[in-house]
Amino acid sequence: MRVPRPEDRTAASAGRHALATPPDSSGPPCHCDVALFRSQALEIAAWRCIRDGDALRAVRQHAWPAFTFVHDGAYLLHTEGRTELVDPGHVSFQGVDSPYATSHPYGVGDCGMTIAIRPDLYYELYPEATVTRIALRSPRFALSDFQLALRLRHSGEADALGIEEQALELVRSAVEAQEPSLPGEPARRSEHRDLADRARAILSRRFRDPLRLSDLASSLRVSPFHLSRVFRRETGVPLRRYITRLRLLAAMLQARETAGFSQLALELGFSSHSHFTSAFRREFGVAPREARRSLLEA
């Protein structure tokens, strides 16, 4: 993945927006994009997929390094001959002028937020950083980008300095959370990554269900031991915790609209309200009501 250099031209000098996306000439638009914030240092946009299917969408590229945070749903990211699944548990990165395309075989409606940072500023902040395409996104990390998205939607650019500071902190967290390069033969590594992605694809649709490891492994045609070991190695967390995080992120997405968490906890697959509260506090560091309050105040 190309890391921007100081001599890279900024989008402003090139006469382009950082998150410029050409229209899909093959049919109706595949994304509904809303610009939330723009400054000399960064741009932020909210997006929602409005078309599904296995077909690749139009090839796109950003003029600035861009970090994408999925809030709901999942999609496939295709870049440089590589395909990876992006879901709420991860952050994806697109480098300067790096072509990419997406496909949406898991349904319509996946949505999230993208932050693009000026190339020379990015290099000034991270001169030695080698950014991977995918980074693990913890619930505490996710709470911060949920807050930023809500802050921009409801208060606009009233506090531009605070918005830029919070966005740059999210970028820093994404870079620091990037997944390490794991040892192993290329063919074996590709096979393991594919298995983890196929498992995550199932989890993105069924995380609310009472899943069994044996059933999940059987559907993927591997042993439970192999699936558990490979998934933890590839994602950095056990399957059970990954499922819990997806459930908690879904709860956070609905937190502003829900009057209470008891029914929501059961709908998301938790055995009880106390089970939900305990898991929420462990992952987010605060109780559900405190997190809801912070989102309402955003």
Protein backbone atom coordinates (compact mmCIF):
# COMPACT_ATOMS: atom_id res chain seq x y z
CA MET A 1 0.00 0.00 0.00
CA ARG A 2 1.46 3.30 -1.06
CA VAL A 3 2.24 5.76 1.76
CA PRO A 4 1.97 9.43 0.68
CA ARG A 5 5.17 11.45 0.42
CA PRO A 6 5.68 15.19 1.08
CA GLU A 7 5.97 15.86 -2.64
CA ASP A 8 2.50 14.47 -3.32
CA ARG A 9 0.19 17.16 -4.57
CA THR A 10 -2.80 17.95 -2.38
CA ALA A 11 -6.32 17.60 -3.70
CA ALA A 12 -6.71 21.37 -3.54
CA SER A 13 -3.69 22.02 -5.75
CA ALA A 14 -4.84 19.35 -8.18
CA GLY A 15 -8.32 20.83 -8.31
CA ARG A 16 -9.99 17.70 -6.92
CA HIS A 17 -11.91 16.81 -3.83
CA ALA A 18 -10.18 14.35 -1.51
CA LEU A 19 -13.08 11.90 -1.71
CA ALA A 20 -13.89 12.36 -5.39
CA THR A 21 -15.86 9.38 -6.72
CA PRO A 22 -16.74 9.05 -10.42
CA PRO A 23 -20.32 8.08 -11.26
CA ASP A 24 -21.07 4.46 -12.05
CA SER A 25 -21.84 4.63 -15.77
CA SER A 26 -23.29 1.12 -15.84
CA GLY A 27 -26.51 2.11 -14.09
CA PRO A 28 -27.96 3.96 -11.11
CA PRO A 29 -25.57 5.19 -8.40
CA CYS A 30 -24.39 2.48 -5.99
CA HIS A 31 -23.79 4.86 -3.06
CA CYS A 32 -25.61 7.73 -1.44
CA ASP A 33 -22.85 10.06 -0.19
CA VAL A 34 -23.24 13.08 2.09
CA ALA A 35 -20.36 15.52 2.68
CA LEU A 36 -20.18 16.23 6.41
CA PHE A 37 -17.05 18.35 6.76
CA ARG A 38 -14.29 19.84 4.64
CA SER A 39 -11.18 21.81 5.60
CA GLN A 40 -7.64 22.28 4.31
CA ALA A 41 -6.52 19.33 6.44
CA LEU A 42 -9.23 16.72 5.92
CA GLU A 43 -12.60 15.77 4.48
CA ILE A 44 -15.34 13.65 6.05
CA ALA A 45 -18.31 12.04 4.32
CA ALA A 46 -21.13 9.70 5.32
CA TRP A 47 -22.15 7.00 2.85
CA ARG A 48 -24.77 4.29 2.36
CA CYS A 49 -24.87 1.53 -0.24
CA ILE A 50 -28.12 1.53 -2.21
CA ARG A 51 -27.39 -1.38 -4.58
CA ASP A 52 -26.54 -4.98 -3.76
CA GLY A 53 -25.20 -7.95 -5.72
CA ASP A 54 -21.94 -9.71 -6.58
CA ALA A 55 -21.10 -7.41 -9.50
CA LEU A 56 -18.18 -5.01 -9.04
CA ARG A 57 -19.06 -1.34 -8.86
CA ALA A 58 -17.19 1.32 -10.82
CA VAL A 59 -13.48 1.57 -10.04
CA ARG A 60 -12.81 4.56 -7.81
CA GLN A 61 -9.85 6.24 -6.15
CA HIS A 62 -9.33 8.96 -3.58
CA ALA A 63 -6.95 11.89 -4.04
CA TRP A 64 -6.06 11.76 -0.33
CA PRO A 65 -5.41 8.78 2.00
CA ALA A 66 -8.84 7.66 3.21
CA PHE A 67 -9.99 5.64 6.23
CA THR A 68 -13.44 4.04 6.07
CA PHE A 69 -15.44 3.11 9.17
CA VAL A 70 -18.40 0.76 8.63
CA HIS A 71 -21.32 1.39 10.98
CA ASP A 72 -23.68 -1.29 9.70
CA GLY A 73 -23.57 -4.15 7.18
CA ALA A 74 -20.59 -5.53 5.26
CA TYR A 75 -19.08 -5.38 1.77
CA LEU A 76 -16.16 -6.74 -0.24
CA LEU A 77 -13.21 -4.44 -1.02
CA HIS A 78 -11.35 -5.28 -4.25
CA THR A 79 -7.92 -3.71 -4.76
CA GLU A 80 -4.72 -4.68 -6.55
CA GLY A 81 -5.86 -8.23 -7.17
CA ARG A 82 -6.89 -8.74 -3.55
CA THR A 83 -10.38 -9.08 -2.08
CA GLU A 84 -11.19 -8.54 1.61
CA LEU A 85 -14.37 -8.30 3.62
CA VAL A 86 -14.97 -5.04 5.49
CA ASP A 87 -17.47 -5.03 8.37
CA PRO A 88 -18.08 -2.99 11.55
CA GLY A 89 -15.26 -4.87 13.26
CA HIS A 90 -12.63 -3.35 10.97
CA VAL A 91 -11.41 -0.10 9.39
CA SER A 92 -10.30 -0.08 5.74
CA PHE A 93 -7.63 2.12 4.18
CA GLN A 94 -7.28 3.37 0.59
CA GLY A 95 -4.00 5.03 -0.34
CA VAL A 96 -3.34 8.00 -2.60
CA ASP A 97 -4.68 7.35 -6.10
CA SER A 98 -4.99 3.61 -5.37
CA PRO A 99 -7.82 2.19 -7.54
CA TYR A 100 -10.40 0.06 -5.76
CA ALA A 101 -13.88 -1.31 -6.29
CA THR A 102 -16.55 -2.77 -4.03
CA SER A 103 -19.23 -5.41 -4.30
CA HIS A 104 -22.17 -6.04 -1.98
CA PRO A 105 -23.16 -9.72 -1.95
CA TYR A 106 -24.50 -9.52 1.63
CA GLY A 107 -27.36 -7.16 0.91
CA VAL A 108 -28.08 -3.48 0.54
CA GLY A 109 -27.84 -0.75 3.16
CA ASP A 110 -24.32 -1.03 4.56
CA CYS A 111 -23.32 2.41 5.76
CA GLY A 112 -20.55 4.30 7.49
CA MET A 113 -18.16 7.25 7.42
CA THR A 114 -14.93 8.02 5.54
CA ILE A 115 -12.17 10.39 6.68
CA ALA A 116 -9.60 11.57 4.13
CA ILE A 117 -6.45 13.35 5.32
CA ARG A 118 -4.20 15.60 3.22
CA PRO A 119 -1.23 13.55 1.93
CA ASP A 120 1.58 15.80 3.15
CA LEU A 121 -0.06 16.13 6.56
CA TYR A 122 -0.47 12.36 6.78
CA TYR A 123 3.22 11.86 6.01
CA GLU A 124 4.17 14.54 8.55
CA LEU A 125 2.19 12.69 11.22
CA TYR A 126 3.35 9.18 10.26
CA PRO A 127 6.65 9.35 8.31
CA GLU A 128 7.47 5.69 8.94
CA ALA A 129 3.97 4.24 8.85
CA THR A 130 3.23 1.40 6.47
CA VAL A 131 -0.54 1.17 6.49
CA THR A 132 -2.30 -2.08 5.74
CA ARG A 133 -5.69 -2.18 4.04
CA ILE A 134 -7.55 -3.48 7.08
CA ALA A 135 -7.25 -2.66 10.80
CA LEU A 136 -9.16 -4.06 13.77
CA ARG A 137 -11.76 -1.65 15.15
CA SER A 138 -12.48 -2.05 18.85
CA PRO A 139 -15.81 -0.96 20.38
CA ARG A 140 -14.11 1.92 22.23
CA PHE A 141 -12.65 3.04 18.91
CA ALA A 142 -16.11 2.70 17.32
CA LEU A 143 -17.79 4.79 20.02
CA SER A 144 -15.54 7.70 19.09
CA ASP A 145 -16.37 7.57 15.36
CA PHE A 146 -20.11 7.17 16.14
CA GLN A 147 -19.83 10.33 18.25
CA LEU A 148 -18.03 12.22 15.49
CA ALA A 149 -20.59 11.21 12.85
CA LEU A 150 -23.50 12.31 15.06
CA ARG A 151 -21.70 15.51 16.00
CA LEU A 152 -21.32 16.44 12.33
CA ARG A 153 -24.89 15.53 11.41
CA HIS A 154 -26.46 17.53 14.23
CA SER A 155 -24.13 20.46 14.84
CA GLY A 156 -22.37 20.85 11.51
CA GLU A 157 -19.08 22.73 11.48
CA ALA A 158 -19.77 24.89 14.53
CA ASP A 159 -16.68 23.50 16.28
CA ALA A 160 -14.31 23.00 13.34
CA LEU A 161 -11.17 22.77 15.49
CA GLY A 162 -12.72 20.12 17.75
CA ILE A 163 -13.96 18.15 14.73
CA GLU A 164 -10.52 18.14 13.10
CA GLU A 165 -8.87 17.12 16.36
CA GLN A 166 -11.28 14.23 16.91
CA ALA A 167 -10.96 13.07 13.29
CA LEU A 168 -7.15 13.10 13.43
CA GLU A 169 -7.29 11.09 16.65
CA LEU A 170 -9.42 8.49 14.84
CA VAL A 171 -6.85 8.33 12.03
CA ARG A 172 -4.06 7.87 14.59
CA SER A 173 -6.00 5.07 16.27
CA ALA A 174 -6.61 3.35 12.93
CA VAL A 175 -2.91 3.42 12.05
CA GLU A 176 -1.90 2.09 15.46
CA ALA A 177 -4.54 -0.68 15.26
CA GLN A 178 -3.34 -2.03 11.92
CA GLU A 179 -2.93 -5.77 11.88
CA PRO A 180 0.65 -7.08 11.90
CA SER A 181 2.03 -9.04 8.99
CA LEU A 182 1.82 -12.69 9.99
CA PRO A 183 4.46 -15.28 9.03
CA GLY A 184 3.74 -18.22 6.77
CA GLU A 185 3.79 -19.35 3.17
CA PRO A 186 1.86 -16.97 0.84
CA ALA A 187 -0.53 -19.70 -0.32
CA ARG A 188 -1.28 -20.83 3.23
CA ARG A 189 -1.68 -17.24 4.44
CA SER A 190 -4.12 -16.51 1.60
CA GLU A 191 -6.09 -19.65 2.44
CA HIS A 192 -6.32 -18.68 6.11
CA ARG A 193 -7.32 -15.09 5.33
CA ASP A 194 -10.03 -16.38 2.99
CA LEU A 195 -11.38 -18.70 5.68
CA ALA A 196 -11.53 -15.87 8.24
CA ASP A 197 -13.28 -13.61 5.71
CA ARG A 198 -15.85 -16.29 4.88
CA ALA A 199 -16.52 -16.75 8.58
CA ARG A 200 -16.89 -12.99 9.07
CA ALA A 201 -19.30 -12.86 6.12
CA ILE A 202 -21.55 -15.39 7.87
CA LEU A 203 -21.24 -13.58 11.20
CA SER A 204 -22.14 -10.23 9.61
CA ARG A 205 -25.55 -11.70 8.71
CA ARG A 206 -26.12 -14.03 11.67
CA PHE A 207 -24.48 -12.40 14.70
CA ARG A 208 -27.90 -12.10 16.38
CA ASP A 209 -28.47 -15.86 16.18
CA PRO A 210 -27.46 -18.46 18.80
CA LEU A 211 -24.56 -19.90 16.79
CA ARG A 212 -22.61 -23.10 17.51
CA LEU A 213 -18.93 -23.43 16.59
CA SER A 214 -19.51 -26.90 15.17
CA ASP A 215 -22.30 -25.66 12.85
CA LEU A 216 -20.25 -22.68 11.68
CA ALA A 217 -17.23 -24.89 11.00
CA SER A 218 -19.38 -27.43 9.15
CA SER A 219 -20.81 -24.75 6.87
CA LEU A 220 -17.25 -23.71 6.04
CA ARG A 221 -16.10 -27.33 5.59
CA VAL A 222 -13.35 -27.18 8.21
CA SER A 223 -12.91 -28.56 11.70
CA PRO A 224 -14.01 -26.47 14.70
CA PHE A 225 -10.45 -26.46 16.03
CA HIS A 226 -9.01 -25.23 12.72
CA LEU A 227 -11.64 -22.50 12.35
CA SER A 228 -11.17 -21.27 15.92
CA ARG A 229 -7.37 -21.19 15.61
CA VAL A 230 -7.27 -19.53 12.18
CA PHE A 231 -9.95 -16.94 13.01
CA ARG A 232 -8.14 -15.82 16.15
CA ARG A 233 -4.83 -15.68 14.30
CA GLU A 234 -6.24 -13.65 11.40
CA THR A 235 -8.48 -11.23 13.33
CA GLY A 236 -6.68 -10.97 16.66
CA VAL A 237 -9.76 -11.95 18.71
CA PRO A 238 -11.66 -15.21 19.39
CA LEU A 239 -14.85 -15.93 17.48
CA ARG A 240 -17.02 -15.47 20.56
CA ARG A 241 -15.62 -12.03 21.30
CA TYR A 242 -15.94 -11.00 17.65
CA ILE A 243 -19.63 -11.91 17.68
CA THR A 244 -20.12 -10.01 20.94
CA ARG A 245 -18.48 -6.93 19.41
CA LEU A 246 -20.77 -7.06 16.37
CA ARG A 247 -23.79 -7.25 18.68
CA LEU A 248 -22.54 -4.34 20.79
CA LEU A 249 -21.81 -2.20 17.72
CA ALA A 250 -25.35 -2.88 16.51
CA ALA A 251 -26.64 -1.80 19.92
CA MET A 252 -24.60 1.40 19.71
CA LEU A 253 -26.08 2.14 16.29
CA GLN A 254 -29.58 1.98 17.81
CA ALA A 255 -28.73 3.55 21.18
CA ARG A 256 -30.09 7.03 20.41
CA GLU A 257 -33.51 5.70 19.38
CA THR A 258 -34.08 3.06 22.07
CA ALA A 259 -35.87 3.95 25.30
CA GLY A 260 -34.33 0.99 27.15
CA PHE A 261 -31.78 -1.71 26.48
CA SER A 262 -33.56 -4.77 27.92
CA GLN A 263 -35.52 -5.71 24.79
CA LEU A 264 -32.71 -4.65 22.46
CA ALA A 265 -30.27 -6.90 24.35
CA LEU A 266 -32.50 -9.93 23.81
CA GLU A 267 -33.04 -9.09 20.12
CA LEU A 268 -29.28 -8.92 19.60
CA GLY A 269 -28.68 -12.36 21.10
CA PHE A 270 -27.69 -11.61 24.69
CA SER A 271 -29.14 -13.95 27.31
CA SER A 272 -30.22 -11.12 29.62
CA HIS A 273 -29.95 -7.40 30.27
CA SER A 274 -27.22 -8.00 32.86
CA HIS A 275 -25.23 -10.09 30.36
CA PHE A 276 -25.51 -7.25 27.83
CA THR A 277 -24.53 -4.59 30.38
CA SER A 278 -21.51 -6.55 31.56
CA ALA A 279 -20.27 -7.14 28.00
CA PHE A 280 -20.94 -3.52 27.04
CA ARG A 281 -18.97 -2.15 29.99
CA ARG A 282 -16.08 -4.53 29.34
CA GLU A 283 -15.76 -3.52 25.68
CA PHE A 284 -16.70 0.18 25.76
CA GLY A 285 -15.43 1.02 29.25
CA VAL A 286 -18.74 2.67 30.20
CA ALA A 287 -22.28 1.52 30.97
CA PRO A 288 -24.85 1.49 28.11
CA ARG A 289 -26.76 4.48 29.51
CA GLU A 290 -23.56 6.52 29.78
CA ALA A 291 -22.69 5.75 26.17
CA ARG A 292 -26.24 6.62 25.09
CA ARG A 293 -25.98 9.93 26.95
CA SER A 294 -22.70 10.77 25.23
CA LEU A 295 -24.30 10.09 21.81
CA LEU A 296 -27.34 12.21 22.62
CA GLU A 297 -25.00 15.05 23.61
CA ALA A 298 -22.86 14.70 20.47
